[in-house]
């Protein structure tokens, strides 16, 4: 049983590696205003039912990578209730990449579903 749990955790980690970037872009693509990390994490909790599974700190390196790739832009703004907050918004290239990634996700999901359902 412990070996099965280990295999499942490894599979979940590998599966989530690419999906976190996709869902972060999607959340920011759907938002009408820039969001800071905690707001993004809360949206993912509400919508994604465990995409981050309590690993909120894992989203910050992904946000930085997406920004470095030009898919997101950010601005730091002072906060009334604590340290300054970094607000992220999706860029035009980010929207283009999001469309490509959604298409790739849908094609992959459909293909995997067919295999799992034995429709090959």
PDB file of N, CA and C in Angstrom:
ATOM      1  N   UNK A   1       0.821  -1.197   0.000  1.00  0.00           N
ATOM      2  CA  UNK A   1       0.000   0.000   0.000  1.00  0.00           C
ATOM      3  C   UNK A   1       0.862   1.256   0.000  1.00  0.00           C
ATOM      4  N   UNK A   2       1.932   1.291   0.815  1.00  0.00           N
ATOM      5  CA  UNK A   2       2.820   2.452   0.860  1.00  0.00           C
ATOM      6  C   UNK A   2       3.457   2.711  -0.492  1.00  0.00           C
ATOM      7  N   UNK A   3       3.800   1.646  -1.201  1.00  0.00           N
ATOM      8  CA  UNK A   3       4.396   1.797  -2.535  1.00  0.00           C
ATOM      9  C   UNK A   3       3.392   2.445  -3.489  1.00  0.00           C
ATOM     10  N   UNK A   4       2.128   2.034  -3.381  1.00  0.00           N
ATOM     11  CA  UNK A   4       1.083   2.642  -4.226  1.00  0.00           C
ATOM     12  C   UNK A   4       0.954   4.132  -3.948  1.00  0.00           C
ATOM     13  N   UNK A   5       0.984   4.501  -2.681  1.00  0.00           N
ATOM     14  CA  UNK A   5       0.890   5.918  -2.299  1.00  0.00           C
ATOM     15  C   UNK A   5       2.076   6.670  -2.889  1.00  0.00           C
ATOM     16  N   UNK A   6       3.253   6.093  -2.828  1.00  0.00           N
ATOM     17  CA  UNK A   6       4.448   6.712  -3.397  1.00  0.00           C
ATOM     18  C   UNK A   6       4.323   6.909  -4.894  1.00  0.00           C
ATOM     19  N   UNK A   7       3.814   5.902  -5.574  1.00  0.00           N
ATOM     20  CA  UNK A   7       3.604   6.011  -7.029  1.00  0.00           C
ATOM     21  C   UNK A   7       2.585   7.099  -7.352  1.00  0.00           C
ATOM     22  N   UNK A   8       1.519   7.157  -6.560  1.00  0.00           N
ATOM     23  CA  UNK A   8       0.483   8.170  -6.785  1.00  0.00           C
ATOM     24  C   UNK A   8       1.041   9.580  -6.580  1.00  0.00           C
ATOM     25  N   UNK A   9       1.792   9.785  -5.502  1.00  0.00           N
ATOM     26  CA  UNK A   9       2.366  11.110  -5.230  1.00  0.00           C
ATOM     27  C   UNK A   9       3.310  11.536  -6.343  1.00  0.00           C
ATOM     28  N   UNK A  10       4.122  10.615  -6.836  1.00  0.00           N
ATOM     29  CA  UNK A  10       5.054  10.915  -7.925  1.00  0.00           C
ATOM     30  C   UNK A  10       4.279  11.291  -9.184  1.00  0.00           C
ATOM     31  N   UNK A  11       3.241  10.517  -9.504  1.00  0.00           N
ATOM     32  CA  UNK A  11       2.409  10.794 -10.676  1.00  0.00           C
ATOM     33  C   UNK A  11       1.745  12.163 -10.559  1.00  0.00           C
ATOM     34  N   UNK A  12       1.183  12.458  -9.384  1.00  0.00           N
ATOM     35  CA  UNK A  12       0.519  13.744  -9.172  1.00  0.00           C
ATOM     36  C   UNK A  12       1.504  14.906  -9.318  1.00  0.00           C
ATOM     37  N   UNK A  13       2.720  14.731  -8.817  1.00  0.00           N
ATOM     38  CA  UNK A  13       3.734  15.784  -8.920  1.00  0.00           C
ATOM     39  C   UNK A  13       4.094  16.033 -10.381  1.00  0.00           C
ATOM     40  N   UNK A  14       4.310  14.966 -11.137  1.00  0.00           N
ATOM     41  CA  UNK A  14       4.660  15.097 -12.553  1.00  0.00           C
ATOM     42  C   UNK A  14       3.502  15.698 -13.345  1.00  0.00           C
ATOM     43  N   UNK A  15       2.298  15.288 -13.028  1.00  0.00           N
ATOM     44  CA  UNK A  15       1.117  15.790 -13.726  1.00  0.00           C
ATOM     45  C   UNK A  15       0.891  17.271 -13.457  1.00  0.00           C
ATOM     46  N   UNK A  16       1.121  17.695 -12.226  1.00  0.00           N
ATOM     47  CA  UNK A  16       0.844  19.087 -11.872  1.00  0.00           C
ATOM     48  C   UNK A  16       1.906  20.050 -12.388  1.00  0.00           C
ATOM     49  N   UNK A  17       3.078  19.565 -12.753  1.00  0.00           N
ATOM     50  CA  UNK A  17       4.166  20.451 -13.170  1.00  0.00           C
ATOM     51  C   UNK A  17       3.742  21.409 -14.285  1.00  0.00           C
ATOM     52  N   UNK A  18       3.129  20.915 -15.330  1.00  0.00           N
ATOM     53  CA  UNK A  18       2.713  21.777 -16.430  1.00  0.00           C
ATOM     54  C   UNK A  18       1.349  22.410 -16.233  1.00  0.00           C
ATOM     55  N   UNK A  19       0.502  21.737 -15.477  1.00  0.00           N
ATOM     56  CA  UNK A  19      -0.854  22.250 -15.329  1.00  0.00           C
ATOM     57  C   UNK A  19      -0.913  23.503 -14.463  1.00  0.00           C
ATOM     58  N   UNK A  20       0.024  23.669 -13.532  1.00  0.00           N
ATOM     59  CA  UNK A  20       0.015  24.863 -12.689  1.00  0.00           C
ATOM     60  C   UNK A  20       0.198  26.110 -13.549  1.00  0.00           C
ATOM     61  N   UNK A  21       1.129  26.079 -14.493  1.00  0.00           N
ATOM     62  CA  UNK A  21       1.324  27.227 -15.385  1.00  0.00           C
ATOM     63  C   UNK A  21       0.057  27.514 -16.179  1.00  0.00           C
ATOM     64  N   UNK A  22      -0.559  26.469 -16.687  1.00  0.00           N
ATOM     65  CA  UNK A  22      -1.795  26.627 -17.462  1.00  0.00           C
ATOM     66  C   UNK A  22      -2.891  27.281 -16.633  1.00  0.00           C
ATOM     67  N   UNK A  23      -3.115  26.783 -15.422  1.00  0.00           N
ATOM     68  CA  UNK A  23      -4.218  27.332 -14.629  1.00  0.00           C
ATOM     69  C   UNK A  23      -3.906  28.741 -14.120  1.00  0.00           C
ATOM     70  N   UNK A  24      -2.639  29.044 -13.859  1.00  0.00           N
ATOM     71  CA  UNK A  24      -2.295  30.414 -13.454  1.00  0.00           C
ATOM     72  C   UNK A  24      -2.592  31.392 -14.581  1.00  0.00           C
ATOM     73  N   UNK A  25      -2.177  31.035 -15.797  1.00  0.00           N
ATOM     74  CA  UNK A  25      -2.491  31.892 -16.941  1.00  0.00           C
ATOM     75  C   UNK A  25      -4.002  32.020 -17.120  1.00  0.00           C
ATOM     76  N   UNK A  26      -4.730  30.925 -16.938  1.00  0.00           N
ATOM     77  CA  UNK A  26      -6.183  30.949 -17.112  1.00  0.00           C
ATOM     78  C   UNK A  26      -6.848  31.859 -16.080  1.00  0.00           C
ATOM     79  N   UNK A  27      -6.442  31.761 -14.826  1.00  0.00           N
ATOM     80  CA  UNK A  27      -7.026  32.612 -13.782  1.00  0.00           C
ATOM     81  C   UNK A  27      -6.769  34.078 -14.107  1.00  0.00           C
ATOM     82  N   UNK A  28      -5.543  34.411 -14.507  1.00  0.00           N
ATOM     83  CA  UNK A  28      -5.234  35.802 -14.824  1.00  0.00           C
ATOM     84  C   UNK A  28      -5.897  36.237 -16.126  1.00  0.00           C
ATOM     85  N   UNK A  29      -6.074  35.303 -17.058  1.00  0.00           N
ATOM     86  CA  UNK A  29      -6.758  35.616 -18.305  1.00  0.00           C
ATOM     87  C   UNK A  29      -8.234  35.906 -18.100  1.00  0.00           C
ATOM     88  N   UNK A  30      -8.826  35.321 -17.066  1.00  0.00           N
ATOM     89  CA  UNK A  30     -10.245  35.512 -16.779  1.00  0.00           C
ATOM     90  C   UNK A  30     -10.512  36.721 -15.884  1.00  0.00           C
ATOM     91  N   UNK A  31      -9.466  37.245 -15.263  1.00  0.00           N
ATOM     92  CA  UNK A  31      -9.635  38.349 -14.321  1.00  0.00           C
ATOM     93  C   UNK A  31      -9.660  39.690 -15.041  1.00  0.00           C
ATOM     94  N   UNK A  32     -10.531  40.562 -14.586  1.00  0.00           N
ATOM     95  CA  UNK A  32     -10.623  41.889 -15.203  1.00  0.00           C
ATOM     96  C   UNK A  32      -9.593  42.856 -14.639  1.00  0.00           C
ATOM     97  N   UNK A  33      -9.019  42.510 -13.491  1.00  0.00           N
ATOM     98  CA  UNK A  33      -7.988  43.373 -12.923  1.00  0.00           C
ATOM     99  C   UNK A  33      -6.798  42.527 -12.473  1.00  0.00           C
ATOM    100  N   UNK A  34      -5.644  43.157 -12.290  1.00  0.00           N
ATOM    101  CA  UNK A  34      -4.472  42.417 -11.805  1.00  0.00           C
ATOM    102  C   UNK A  34      -4.750  41.799 -10.437  1.00  0.00           C
ATOM    103  N   UNK A  35      -4.104  40.672 -10.161  1.00  0.00           N
ATOM    104  CA  UNK A  35      -4.286  39.959  -8.895  1.00  0.00           C
ATOM    105  C   UNK A  35      -2.932  39.741  -8.239  1.00  0.00           C
ATOM    106  N   UNK A  36      -2.911  39.718  -6.912  1.00  0.00           N
ATOM    107  CA  UNK A  36      -1.682  39.348  -6.217  1.00  0.00           C
ATOM    108  C   UNK A  36      -1.753  37.867  -5.838  1.00  0.00           C
ATOM    109  N   UNK A  37      -0.622  37.321  -5.431  1.00  0.00           N
ATOM    110  CA  UNK A  37      -0.496  35.876  -5.229  1.00  0.00           C
ATOM    111  C   UNK A  37      -1.585  35.231  -4.406  1.00  0.00           C
ATOM    112  N   UNK A  38      -1.908  35.831  -3.258  1.00  0.00           N
ATOM    113  CA  UNK A  38      -2.922  35.238  -2.394  1.00  0.00           C
ATOM    114  C   UNK A  38      -4.282  35.182  -3.087  1.00  0.00           C
ATOM    115  N   UNK A  39      -4.622  36.242  -3.836  1.00  0.00           N
ATOM    116  CA  UNK A  39      -5.899  36.249  -4.563  1.00  0.00           C
ATOM    117  C   UNK A  39      -5.925  35.136  -5.613  1.00  0.00           C
ATOM    118  N   UNK A  40      -4.802  34.953  -6.302  1.00  0.00           N
ATOM    119  CA  UNK A  40      -4.708  33.894  -7.316  1.00  0.00           C
ATOM    120  C   UNK A  40      -4.893  32.528  -6.649  1.00  0.00           C
ATOM    121  N   UNK A  41      -4.212  32.328  -5.520  1.00  0.00           N
ATOM    122  CA  UNK A  41      -4.318  31.052  -4.797  1.00  0.00           C
ATOM    123  C   UNK A  41      -5.753  30.796  -4.353  1.00  0.00           C
ATOM    124  N   UNK A  42      -6.439  31.837  -3.871  1.00  0.00           N
ATOM    125  CA  UNK A  42      -7.832  31.685  -3.437  1.00  0.00           C
ATOM    126  C   UNK A  42      -8.735  31.315  -4.619  1.00  0.00           C
ATOM    127  N   UNK A  43      -8.529  31.956  -5.766  1.00  0.00           N
ATOM    128  CA  UNK A  43      -9.332  31.605  -6.959  1.00  0.00           C
ATOM    129  C   UNK A  43      -9.094  30.143  -7.333  1.00  0.00           C
ATOM    130  N   UNK A  44      -7.836  29.720  -7.270  1.00  0.00           N
ATOM    131  CA  UNK A  44      -7.538  28.327  -7.611  1.00  0.00           C
ATOM    132  C   UNK A  44      -8.198  27.373  -6.626  1.00  0.00           C
ATOM    133  N   UNK A  45      -8.223  27.741  -5.354  1.00  0.00           N
ATOM    134  CA  UNK A  45      -8.909  26.905  -4.362  1.00  0.00           C
ATOM    135  C   UNK A  45     -10.395  26.795  -4.684  1.00  0.00           C
ATOM    136  N   UNK A  46     -11.005  27.934  -5.042  1.00  0.00           N
ATOM    137  CA  UNK A  46     -12.441  27.953  -5.336  1.00  0.00           C
ATOM    138  C   UNK A  46     -12.762  27.164  -6.598  1.00  0.00           C
ATOM    139  N   UNK A  47     -11.949  27.350  -7.633  1.00  0.00           N
ATOM    140  CA  UNK A  47     -12.247  26.773  -8.940  1.00  0.00           C
ATOM    141  C   UNK A  47     -11.565  25.435  -9.183  1.00  0.00           C
ATOM    142  N   UNK A  48     -10.343  25.309  -8.735  1.00  0.00           N
ATOM    143  CA  UNK A  48      -9.500  24.195  -9.146  1.00  0.00           C
ATOM    144  C   UNK A  48      -9.523  22.979  -8.268  1.00  0.00           C
ATOM    145  N   UNK A  49     -10.206  23.051  -7.139  1.00  0.00           N
ATOM    146  CA  UNK A  49     -10.305  21.908  -6.230  1.00  0.00           C
ATOM    147  C   UNK A  49      -8.990  21.156  -6.078  1.00  0.00           C
ATOM    148  N   UNK A  50      -7.975  21.851  -5.616  1.00  0.00           N
ATOM    149  CA  UNK A  50      -6.736  21.166  -5.272  1.00  0.00           C
ATOM    150  C   UNK A  50      -5.653  21.187  -6.319  1.00  0.00           C
ATOM    151  N   UNK A  51      -5.713  22.084  -7.288  1.00  0.00           N
ATOM    152  CA  UNK A  51      -4.631  22.161  -8.273  1.00  0.00           C
ATOM    153  C   UNK A  51      -3.316  22.428  -7.551  1.00  0.00           C
ATOM    154  N   UNK A  52      -3.354  23.297  -6.565  1.00  0.00           N
ATOM    155  CA  UNK A  52      -2.156  23.569  -5.762  1.00  0.00           C
ATOM    156  C   UNK A  52      -2.128  22.737  -4.484  1.00  0.00           C
ATOM    157  N   UNK A  53      -3.257  22.204  -4.082  1.00  0.00           N
ATOM    158  CA  UNK A  53      -3.376  21.325  -2.914  1.00  0.00           C
ATOM    159  C   UNK A  53      -2.573  21.813  -1.714  1.00  0.00           C
ATOM    160  N   UNK A  54      -2.859  23.034  -1.274  1.00  0.00           N
ATOM    161  CA  UNK A  54      -2.215  23.554  -0.073  1.00  0.00           C
ATOM    162  C   UNK A  54      -0.775  23.996  -0.242  1.00  0.00           C
ATOM    163  N   UNK A  55      -0.268  23.978  -1.455  1.00  0.00           N
ATOM    164  CA  UNK A  55       1.115  24.386  -1.706  1.00  0.00           C
ATOM    165  C   UNK A  55       1.135  25.773  -2.336  1.00  0.00           C
ATOM    166  N   UNK A  56       0.550  26.725  -1.616  1.00  0.00           N
ATOM    167  CA  UNK A  56       0.425  28.072  -2.134  1.00  0.00           C
ATOM    168  C   UNK A  56       1.776  28.673  -2.516  1.00  0.00           C
ATOM    169  N   UNK A  57       2.814  28.371  -1.734  1.00  0.00           N
ATOM    170  CA  UNK A  57       4.138  28.929  -2.021  1.00  0.00           C
ATOM    171  C   UNK A  57       4.676  28.445  -3.364  1.00  0.00           C
ATOM    172  N   UNK A  58       4.163  27.328  -3.860  1.00  0.00           N
ATOM    173  CA  UNK A  58       4.621  26.787  -5.147  1.00  0.00           C
ATOM    174  C   UNK A  58       4.225  27.678  -6.317  1.00  0.00           C
ATOM    175  N   UNK A  59       3.220  28.527  -6.142  1.00  0.00           N
ATOM    176  CA  UNK A  59       2.794  29.340  -7.280  1.00  0.00           C
ATOM    177  C   UNK A  59       3.741  30.508  -7.550  1.00  0.00           C
ATOM    178  N   UNK A  60       4.453  31.002  -6.537  1.00  0.00           N
ATOM    179  CA  UNK A  60       5.309  32.176  -6.746  1.00  0.00           C
ATOM    180  C   UNK A  60       6.457  31.942  -7.723  1.00  0.00           C
ATOM    181  N   UNK A  61       7.172  30.828  -7.627  1.00  0.00           N
ATOM    182  CA  UNK A  61       8.214  30.587  -8.649  1.00  0.00           C
ATOM    183  C   UNK A  61       7.625  30.457 -10.059  1.00  0.00           C
ATOM    184  N   UNK A  62       6.434  29.876 -10.159  1.00  0.00           N
ATOM    185  CA  UNK A  62       5.791  29.732 -11.472  1.00  0.00           C
ATOM    186  C   UNK A  62       5.385  31.106 -12.004  1.00  0.00           C
ATOM    187  N   UNK A  63       4.838  31.950 -11.137  1.00  0.00           N
ATOM    188  CA  UNK A  63       4.495  33.315 -11.552  1.00  0.00           C
ATOM    189  C   UNK A  63       5.735  34.054 -12.052  1.00  0.00           C
ATOM    190  N   UNK A  64       6.845  33.925 -11.334  1.00  0.00           N
ATOM    191  CA  UNK A  64       8.091  34.590 -11.751  1.00  0.00           C
ATOM    192  C   UNK A  64       8.576  34.061 -13.097  1.00  0.00           C
ATOM    193  N   UNK A  65       8.473  32.747 -13.297  1.00  0.00           N
ATOM    194  CA  UNK A  65       8.894  32.156 -14.575  1.00  0.00           C
ATOM    195  C   UNK A  65       8.010  32.639 -15.725  1.00  0.00           C
ATOM    196  N   UNK A  66       6.706  32.710 -15.484  1.00  0.00           N
ATOM    197  CA  UNK A  66       5.792  33.187 -16.524  1.00  0.00           C
ATOM    198  C   UNK A  66       6.062  34.657 -16.847  1.00  0.00           C
ATOM    199  N   UNK A  67       6.411  35.426 -15.830  1.00  0.00           N
ATOM    200  CA  UNK A  67       6.743  36.832 -16.069  1.00  0.00           C
ATOM    201  C   UNK A  67       8.058  36.946 -16.844  1.00  0.00           C
ATOM    202  N   UNK A  68       9.038  36.153 -16.475  1.00  0.00           N
ATOM    203  CA  UNK A  68      10.329  36.178 -17.170  1.00  0.00           C
ATOM    204  C   UNK A  68      10.166  35.800 -18.644  1.00  0.00           C
ATOM    205  N   UNK A  69       9.179  34.960 -18.937  1.00  0.00           N
ATOM    206  CA  UNK A  69       8.914  34.534 -20.314  1.00  0.00           C
ATOM    207  C   UNK A  69       8.070  35.563 -21.074  1.00  0.00           C
ATOM    208  N   UNK A  70       7.656  36.643 -20.395  1.00  0.00           N
ATOM    209  CA  UNK A  70       6.866  37.681 -21.054  1.00  0.00           C
ATOM    210  C   UNK A  70       5.374  37.392 -21.116  1.00  0.00           C
ATOM    211  N   UNK A  71       4.928  36.344 -20.417  1.00  0.00           N
ATOM    212  CA  UNK A  71       3.517  35.966 -20.468  1.00  0.00           C
ATOM    213  C   UNK A  71       2.683  36.702 -19.420  1.00  0.00           C
ATOM    214  N   UNK A  72       3.362  37.196 -18.396  1.00  0.00           N
ATOM    215  CA  UNK A  72       2.734  38.003 -17.359  1.00  0.00           C
ATOM    216  C   UNK A  72       3.545  39.268 -17.163  1.00  0.00           C
ATOM    217  N   UNK A  73       2.903  40.293 -16.638  1.00  0.00           N
ATOM    218  CA  UNK A  73       3.586  41.504 -16.200  1.00  0.00           C
ATOM    219  C   UNK A  73       3.157  41.746 -14.762  1.00  0.00           C
ATOM    220  N   UNK A  74       3.986  42.461 -14.000  1.00  0.00           N
ATOM    221  CA  UNK A  74       3.619  42.709 -12.612  1.00  0.00           C
ATOM    222  C   UNK A  74       4.015  44.116 -12.187  1.00  0.00           C
ATOM    223  N   UNK A  75       3.341  44.566 -11.151  1.00  0.00           N
ATOM    224  CA  UNK A  75       3.647  45.855 -10.524  1.00  0.00           C
ATOM    225  C   UNK A  75       3.535  45.672  -9.025  1.00  0.00           C
ATOM    226  N   UNK A  76       4.436  46.329  -8.307  1.00  0.00           N
ATOM    227  CA  UNK A  76       4.375  46.297  -6.848  1.00  0.00           C
ATOM    228  C   UNK A  76       3.626  47.533  -6.380  1.00  0.00           C
ATOM    229  N   UNK A  77       2.660  47.308  -5.491  1.00  0.00           N
ATOM    230  CA  UNK A  77       1.885  48.412  -4.934  1.00  0.00           C
ATOM    231  C   UNK A  77       1.911  48.323  -3.419  1.00  0.00           C
ATOM    232  N   UNK A  78       1.963  49.482  -2.748  1.00  0.00           N
ATOM    233  CA  UNK A  78       1.939  49.457  -1.278  1.00  0.00           C
ATOM    234  C   UNK A  78       0.636  48.847  -0.774  1.00  0.00           C
ATOM    235  N   UNK A  79       0.706  48.238   0.393  1.00  0.00           N
ATOM    236  CA  UNK A  79      -0.480  47.644   1.010  1.00  0.00           C
ATOM    237  C   UNK A  79      -0.768  48.354   2.322  1.00  0.00           C
ATOM    238  N   UNK A  80      -2.019  48.591   2.611  1.00  0.00           N
ATOM    239  CA  UNK A  80      -2.420  49.242   3.861  1.00  0.00           C
ATOM    240  C   UNK A  80      -2.160  48.312   5.040  1.00  0.00           C
ATOM    241  N   UNK A  81      -2.313  47.002   4.804  1.00  0.00           N
ATOM    242  CA  UNK A  81      -2.279  46.044   5.910  1.00  0.00           C
ATOM    243  C   UNK A  81      -1.022  45.174   5.935  1.00  0.00           C
ATOM    244  N   UNK A  82       0.108  45.679   5.433  1.00  0.00           N
ATOM    245  CA  UNK A  82       1.311  44.858   5.484  1.00  0.00           C
ATOM    246  C   UNK A  82       2.311  45.277   4.429  1.00  0.00           C
ATOM    247  N   UNK A  83       3.171  44.315   4.048  1.00  0.00           N
ATOM    248  CA  UNK A  83       4.198  44.642   3.047  1.00  0.00           C
ATOM    249  C   UNK A  83       3.579  44.917   1.673  1.00  0.00           C
ATOM    250  N   UNK A  84       4.339  45.542   0.777  1.00  0.00           N
ATOM    251  CA  UNK A  84       3.821  45.792  -0.574  1.00  0.00           C
ATOM    252  C   UNK A  84       3.415  44.484  -1.252  1.00  0.00           C
ATOM    253  N   UNK A  85       2.477  44.581  -2.166  1.00  0.00           N
ATOM    254  CA  UNK A  85       2.000  43.396  -2.893  1.00  0.00           C
ATOM    255  C   UNK A  85       2.369  43.519  -4.357  1.00  0.00           C
ATOM    256  N   UNK A  86       2.727  42.377  -4.932  1.00  0.00           N
ATOM    257  CA  UNK A  86       3.019  42.316  -6.366  1.00  0.00           C
ATOM    258  C   UNK A  86       1.765  41.837  -7.075  1.00  0.00           C
ATOM    259  N   UNK A  87       1.235  42.676  -7.955  1.00  0.00           N
ATOM    260  CA  UNK A  87       0.034  42.360  -8.725  1.00  0.00           C
ATOM    261  C   UNK A  87       0.436  41.890 -10.119  1.00  0.00           C
ATOM    262  N   UNK A  88      -0.152  40.780 -10.550  1.00  0.00           N
ATOM    263  CA  UNK A  88       0.150  40.188 -11.858  1.00  0.00           C
ATOM    264  C   UNK A  88      -1.026  40.369 -12.806  1.00  0.00           C
ATOM    265  N   UNK A  89      -0.699  40.561 -14.077  1.00  0.00           N
ATOM    266  CA  UNK A  89      -1.714  40.581 -15.131  1.00  0.00           C
ATOM    267  C   UNK A  89      -1.135  39.834 -16.327  1.00  0.00           C
ATOM    268  N   UNK A  90      -2.025  39.266 -17.124  1.00  0.00           N
ATOM    269  CA  UNK A  90      -1.606  38.531 -18.314  1.00  0.00           C
ATOM    270  C   UNK A  90      -1.294  39.545 -19.427  1.00  0.00           C
ATOM    271  N   UNK A  91      -0.289  39.247 -20.221  1.00  0.00           N
ATOM    272  CA  UNK A  91       0.085  40.110 -21.348  1.00  0.00           C
ATOM    273  C   UNK A  91      -0.579  39.595 -22.624  1.00  0.00           C
ATOM    274  N   UNK A  92      -0.485  40.373 -23.694  1.00  0.00           N
ATOM    275  CA  UNK A  92      -1.037  39.917 -24.976  1.00  0.00           C
ATOM    276  C   UNK A  92      -0.355  38.607 -25.413  1.00  0.00           C
ATOM    277  N   UNK A  93       0.995  38.526 -25.371  1.00  0.00           N
ATOM    278  CA  UNK A  93       1.608  37.224 -25.701  1.00  0.00           C
ATOM    279  C   UNK A  93       1.133  36.116 -24.763  1.00  0.00           C
ATOM    280  N   UNK A  94       0.869  36.461 -23.505  1.00  0.00           N
ATOM    281  CA  UNK A  94       0.349  35.473 -22.554  1.00  0.00           C
ATOM    282  C   UNK A  94      -1.006  34.951 -22.977  1.00  0.00           C
ATOM    283  N   UNK A  95      -1.854  35.839 -23.488  1.00  0.00           N
ATOM    284  CA  UNK A  95      -3.184  35.411 -23.970  1.00  0.00           C
ATOM    285  C   UNK A  95      -3.053  34.471 -25.177  1.00  0.00           C
ATOM    286  N   UNK A  96      -2.107  34.790 -26.064  1.00  0.00           N
ATOM    287  CA  UNK A  96      -1.882  33.924 -27.234  1.00  0.00           C
ATOM    288  C   UNK A  96      -1.399  32.545 -26.802  1.00  0.00           C
ATOM    289  N   UNK A  97      -0.446  32.531 -25.869  1.00  0.00           N
ATOM    290  CA  UNK A  97       0.083  31.258 -25.372  1.00  0.00           C
ATOM    291  C   UNK A  97      -1.002  30.491 -24.630  1.00  0.00           C
ATOM    292  N   UNK A  98      -1.820  31.200 -23.859  1.00  0.00           N
ATOM    293  CA  UNK A  98      -2.914  30.531 -23.142  1.00  0.00           C
ATOM    294  C   UNK A  98      -3.842  29.824 -24.126  1.00  0.00           C
ATOM    295  N   UNK A  99      -4.182  30.478 -25.227  1.00  0.00           N
ATOM    296  CA  UNK A  99      -5.040  29.825 -26.238  1.00  0.00           C
ATOM    297  C   UNK A  99      -4.374  28.555 -26.770  1.00  0.00           C
ATOM    298  N   UNK A 100      -3.074  28.635 -27.056  1.00  0.00           N
ATOM    299  CA  UNK A 100      -2.344  27.461 -27.549  1.00  0.00           C
ATOM    300  C   UNK A 100      -2.325  26.342 -26.509  1.00  0.00           C
ATOM    301  N   UNK A 101      -2.059  26.709 -25.257  1.00  0.00           N
ATOM    302  CA  UNK A 101      -1.988  25.708 -24.192  1.00  0.00           C
ATOM    303  C   UNK A 101      -3.340  25.064 -23.944  1.00  0.00           C
ATOM    304  N   UNK A 102      -4.417  25.845 -24.003  1.00  0.00           N
ATOM    305  CA  UNK A 102      -5.762  25.284 -23.802  1.00  0.00           C
ATOM    306  C   UNK A 102      -6.068  24.277 -24.911  1.00  0.00           C
ATOM    307  N   UNK A 103      -5.713  24.636 -26.143  1.00  0.00           N
ATOM    308  CA  UNK A 103      -5.937  23.704 -27.260  1.00  0.00           C
ATOM    309  C   UNK A 103      -5.128  22.421 -27.060  1.00  0.00           C
ATOM    310  N   UNK A 104      -3.879  22.567 -26.637  1.00  0.00           N
ATOM    311  CA  UNK A 104      -3.033  21.391 -26.395  1.00  0.00           C
ATOM    312  C   UNK A 104      -3.590  20.550 -25.244  1.00  0.00           C
ATOM    313  N   UNK A 105      -4.044  21.219 -24.185  1.00  0.00           N
ATOM    314  CA  UNK A 105      -4.636  20.518 -23.046  1.00  0.00           C
ATOM    315  C   UNK A 105      -5.864  19.725 -23.487  1.00  0.00           C
ATOM    316  N   UNK A 106      -6.753  20.377 -24.231  1.00  0.00           N
ATOM    317  CA  UNK A 106      -7.979  19.713 -24.672  1.00  0.00           C
ATOM    318  C   UNK A 106      -7.678  18.511 -25.553  1.00  0.00           C
ATOM    319  N   UNK A 107      -6.730  18.663 -26.463  1.00  0.00           N
ATOM    320  CA  UNK A 107      -6.365  17.546 -27.338  1.00  0.00           C
ATOM    321  C   UNK A 107      -5.761  16.398 -26.533  1.00  0.00           C
ATOM    322  N   UNK A 108      -4.900  16.737 -25.581  1.00  0.00           N
ATOM    323  CA  UNK A 108      -4.271  15.702 -24.749  1.00  0.00           C
ATOM    324  C   UNK A 108      -5.313  15.015 -23.881  1.00  0.00           C
ATOM    325  N   UNK A 109      -6.180  15.805 -23.241  1.00  0.00           N
ATOM    326  CA  UNK A 109      -7.218  15.242 -22.381  1.00  0.00           C
ATOM    327  C   UNK A 109      -8.121  14.304 -23.181  1.00  0.00           C
ATOM    328  N   UNK A 110      -8.548  14.745 -24.366  1.00  0.00           N
ATOM    329  CA  UNK A 110      -9.429  13.917 -25.188  1.00  0.00           C
ATOM    330  C   UNK A 110      -8.743  12.616 -25.583  1.00  0.00           C
ATOM    331  N   UNK A 111      -7.480  12.710 -25.966  1.00  0.00           N
ATOM    332  CA  UNK A 111      -6.726  11.529 -26.365  1.00  0.00           C
ATOM    333  C   UNK A 111      -6.560  10.550 -25.203  1.00  0.00           C
ATOM    334  N   UNK A 112      -6.188  11.069 -24.039  1.00  0.00           N
ATOM    335  CA  UNK A 112      -6.015  10.211 -22.871  1.00  0.00           C
ATOM    336  C   UNK A 112      -7.346   9.586 -22.466  1.00  0.00           C
ATOM    337  N   UNK A 113      -8.421  10.389 -22.498  1.00  0.00           N
ATOM    338  CA  UNK A 113      -9.741   9.850 -22.150  1.00  0.00           C
ATOM    339  C   UNK A 113     -10.131   8.693 -23.065  1.00  0.00           C
ATOM    340  N   UNK A 114      -9.851   8.831 -24.364  1.00  0.00           N
ATOM    341  CA  UNK A 114     -10.177   7.748 -25.313  1.00  0.00           C
ATOM    342  C   UNK A 114      -9.422   6.478 -24.977  1.00  0.00           C
ATOM    343  N   UNK A 115      -8.144   6.628 -24.667  1.00  0.00           N
ATOM    344  CA  UNK A 115      -7.335   5.448 -24.297  1.00  0.00           C
ATOM    345  C   UNK A 115      -7.875   4.821 -23.025  1.00  0.00           C
ATOM    346  N   UNK A 116      -8.149   5.652 -22.028  1.00  0.00           N
ATOM    347  CA  UNK A 116      -8.629   5.118 -20.735  1.00  0.00           C
ATOM    348  C   UNK A 116      -9.991   4.458 -20.879  1.00  0.00           C
ATOM    349  N   UNK A 117     -10.789   4.904 -21.830  1.00  0.00           N
ATOM    350  CA  UNK A 117     -12.121   4.338 -22.050  1.00  0.00           C
ATOM    351  C   UNK A 117     -12.091   3.225 -23.099  1.00  0.00           C
ATOM    352  N   UNK A 118     -10.911   2.922 -23.627  1.00  0.00           N
ATOM    353  CA  UNK A 118     -10.778   1.823 -24.567  1.00  0.00           C
ATOM    354  C   UNK A 118     -11.342   2.097 -25.939  1.00  0.00           C
ATOM    355  N   UNK A 119     -11.361   3.359 -26.384  1.00  0.00           N
ATOM    356  CA  UNK A 119     -11.955   3.709 -27.677  1.00  0.00           C
ATOM    357  C   UNK A 119     -10.927   3.858 -28.788  1.00  0.00           C
ATOM    358  N   UNK A 120      -9.753   3.362 -28.596  1.00  0.00           N
ATOM    359  CA  UNK A 120      -8.704   3.583 -29.607  1.00  0.00           C
ATOM    360  C   UNK A 120      -8.997   2.861 -30.885  1.00  0.00           C
TER     361      UNK A 120
END
